[in-house]
Amino acid sequence: MIVVGPVPAPARAAAVPRVDALLARLAARHRLAYVSAATLELGYLDDRLHLTPEGHRAFGRYVAGRIPALGL
């Protein structure tokens, strides 16, 4: 199992560092792989919360690119 942290959507960016750290600690405690996405720069819709189609593709490429380094 891989836990993927939150992206820094502008509408909730202030909470992302706290949630990212919490998820990283919980993943480590349960010996799960963790991928932080807290520093990604992605495209968002006008609601400043949801990713654009290209933002989703970039997010997917980012996560997929981190999987080999996890040694799973």
C-alpha atoms as a PDB file:
ATOM      1  CA  MET A   1       0.000   0.000   0.000  1.00  0.00           C
ATOM      2  CA  ILE A   2       1.180   3.506  -0.774  1.00  0.00           C
ATOM      3  CA  VAL A   3      -0.157   6.538   1.061  1.00  0.00           C
ATOM      4  CA  VAL A   4      -0.124   9.700  -1.051  1.00  0.00           C
ATOM      5  CA  GLY A   5      -0.202  13.029   0.725  1.00  0.00           C
ATOM      6  CA  PRO A   6      -2.322  16.035  -0.166  1.00  0.00           C
ATOM      7  CA  VAL A   7      -1.517  18.445  -2.951  1.00  0.00           C
ATOM      8  CA  PRO A   8      -1.237  22.132  -2.025  1.00  0.00           C
ATOM      9  CA  ALA A   9      -4.531  23.292  -3.501  1.00  0.00           C
ATOM     10  CA  PRO A  10      -4.727  27.056  -2.965  1.00  0.00           C
ATOM     11  CA  ALA A  11      -8.064  26.762  -1.141  1.00  0.00           C
ATOM     12  CA  ARG A  12      -6.507  24.596   1.574  1.00  0.00           C
ATOM     13  CA  ALA A  13      -2.761  25.178   1.225  1.00  0.00           C
ATOM     14  CA  ALA A  14      -2.373  26.412   4.799  1.00  0.00           C
ATOM     15  CA  ALA A  15      -3.373  22.999   6.187  1.00  0.00           C
ATOM     16  CA  VAL A  16      -1.250  20.919   3.811  1.00  0.00           C
ATOM     17  CA  PRO A  17       2.031  20.937   5.808  1.00  0.00           C
ATOM     18  CA  ARG A  18       0.250  19.716   8.960  1.00  0.00           C
ATOM     19  CA  VAL A  19      -1.692  16.998   7.115  1.00  0.00           C
ATOM     20  CA  ASP A  20       1.391  15.962   5.130  1.00  0.00           C
ATOM     21  CA  ALA A  21       3.443  15.544   8.311  1.00  0.00           C
ATOM     22  CA  LEU A  22       0.654  13.631  10.051  1.00  0.00           C
ATOM     23  CA  LEU A  23       0.203  11.222   7.138  1.00  0.00           C
ATOM     24  CA  ALA A  24       3.968  10.693   6.879  1.00  0.00           C
ATOM     25  CA  ARG A  25       4.141   9.793  10.588  1.00  0.00           C
ATOM     26  CA  LEU A  26       1.149   7.449  10.366  1.00  0.00           C
ATOM     27  CA  ALA A  27       2.518   5.756   7.253  1.00  0.00           C
ATOM     28  CA  ALA A  28       5.880   5.218   8.964  1.00  0.00           C
ATOM     29  CA  ARG A  29       4.203   3.898  12.113  1.00  0.00           C
ATOM     30  CA  HIS A  30       2.342   1.319  10.043  1.00  0.00           C
ATOM     31  CA  ARG A  31       5.315   0.591   7.778  1.00  0.00           C
ATOM     32  CA  LEU A  32       3.589   1.917   4.677  1.00  0.00           C
ATOM     33  CA  ALA A  33       5.240   3.727   1.816  1.00  0.00           C
ATOM     34  CA  TYR A  34       4.556   7.459   1.710  1.00  0.00           C
ATOM     35  CA  VAL A  35       4.703   9.908  -1.171  1.00  0.00           C
ATOM     36  CA  SER A  36       4.535  13.578  -0.262  1.00  0.00           C
ATOM     37  CA  ALA A  37       2.886  15.836  -2.823  1.00  0.00           C
ATOM     38  CA  ALA A  38       2.979  18.958  -0.663  1.00  0.00           C
ATOM     39  CA  THR A  39       5.344  20.921  -2.883  1.00  0.00           C
ATOM     40  CA  LEU A  40       3.847  20.146  -6.280  1.00  0.00           C
ATOM     41  CA  GLU A  41       2.883  22.996  -8.544  1.00  0.00           C
ATOM     42  CA  LEU A  42      -0.240  21.886 -10.388  1.00  0.00           C
ATOM     43  CA  GLY A  43      -3.075  23.489 -12.307  1.00  0.00           C
ATOM     44  CA  TYR A  44      -6.342  24.076 -10.461  1.00  0.00           C
ATOM     45  CA  LEU A  45      -9.856  24.962 -11.522  1.00  0.00           C
ATOM     46  CA  ASP A  46     -11.329  28.331 -10.626  1.00  0.00           C
ATOM     47  CA  ASP A  47     -12.549  26.912  -7.308  1.00  0.00           C
ATOM     48  CA  ARG A  48      -8.861  26.700  -6.251  1.00  0.00           C
ATOM     49  CA  LEU A  49      -9.466  23.198  -4.903  1.00  0.00           C
ATOM     50  CA  HIS A  50      -9.887  20.737  -7.770  1.00  0.00           C
ATOM     51  CA  LEU A  51      -7.218  19.902 -10.299  1.00  0.00           C
ATOM     52  CA  THR A  52      -7.557  20.662 -13.979  1.00  0.00           C
ATOM     53  CA  PRO A  53      -7.311  17.688 -16.363  1.00  0.00           C
ATOM     54  CA  GLU A  54      -3.628  18.528 -16.934  1.00  0.00           C
ATOM     55  CA  GLY A  55      -3.158  18.880 -13.179  1.00  0.00           C
ATOM     56  CA  HIS A  56      -4.491  15.344 -12.731  1.00  0.00           C
ATOM     57  CA  ARG A  57      -2.125  14.023 -15.397  1.00  0.00           C
ATOM     58  CA  ALA A  58       0.853  15.792 -13.814  1.00  0.00           C
ATOM     59  CA  PHE A  59      -0.107  14.462 -10.381  1.00  0.00           C
ATOM     60  CA  GLY A  60      -0.371  10.925 -11.769  1.00  0.00           C
ATOM     61  CA  ARG A  61       3.012  11.202 -13.490  1.00  0.00           C
ATOM     62  CA  TYR A  62       4.566  12.493 -10.278  1.00  0.00           C
ATOM     63  CA  VAL A  63       3.216   9.653  -8.127  1.00  0.00           C
ATOM     64  CA  ALA A  64       4.042   7.008 -10.753  1.00  0.00           C
ATOM     65  CA  GLY A  65       7.577   8.378 -10.963  1.00  0.00           C
ATOM     66  CA  ARG A  66       8.087   7.961  -7.218  1.00  0.00           C
ATOM     67  CA  ILE A  67       6.984   4.332  -7.036  1.00  0.00           C
ATOM     68  CA  PRO A  68      10.259   2.759  -8.293  1.00  0.00           C
ATOM     69  CA  ALA A  69      12.249   4.537  -5.552  1.00  0.00           C
ATOM     70  CA  LEU A  70       9.986   3.027  -2.899  1.00  0.00           C
ATOM     71  CA  GLY A  71      11.426  -0.429  -3.542  1.00  0.00           C
ATOM     72  CA  LEU A  72       8.082  -2.195  -3.470  1.00  0.00           C
END
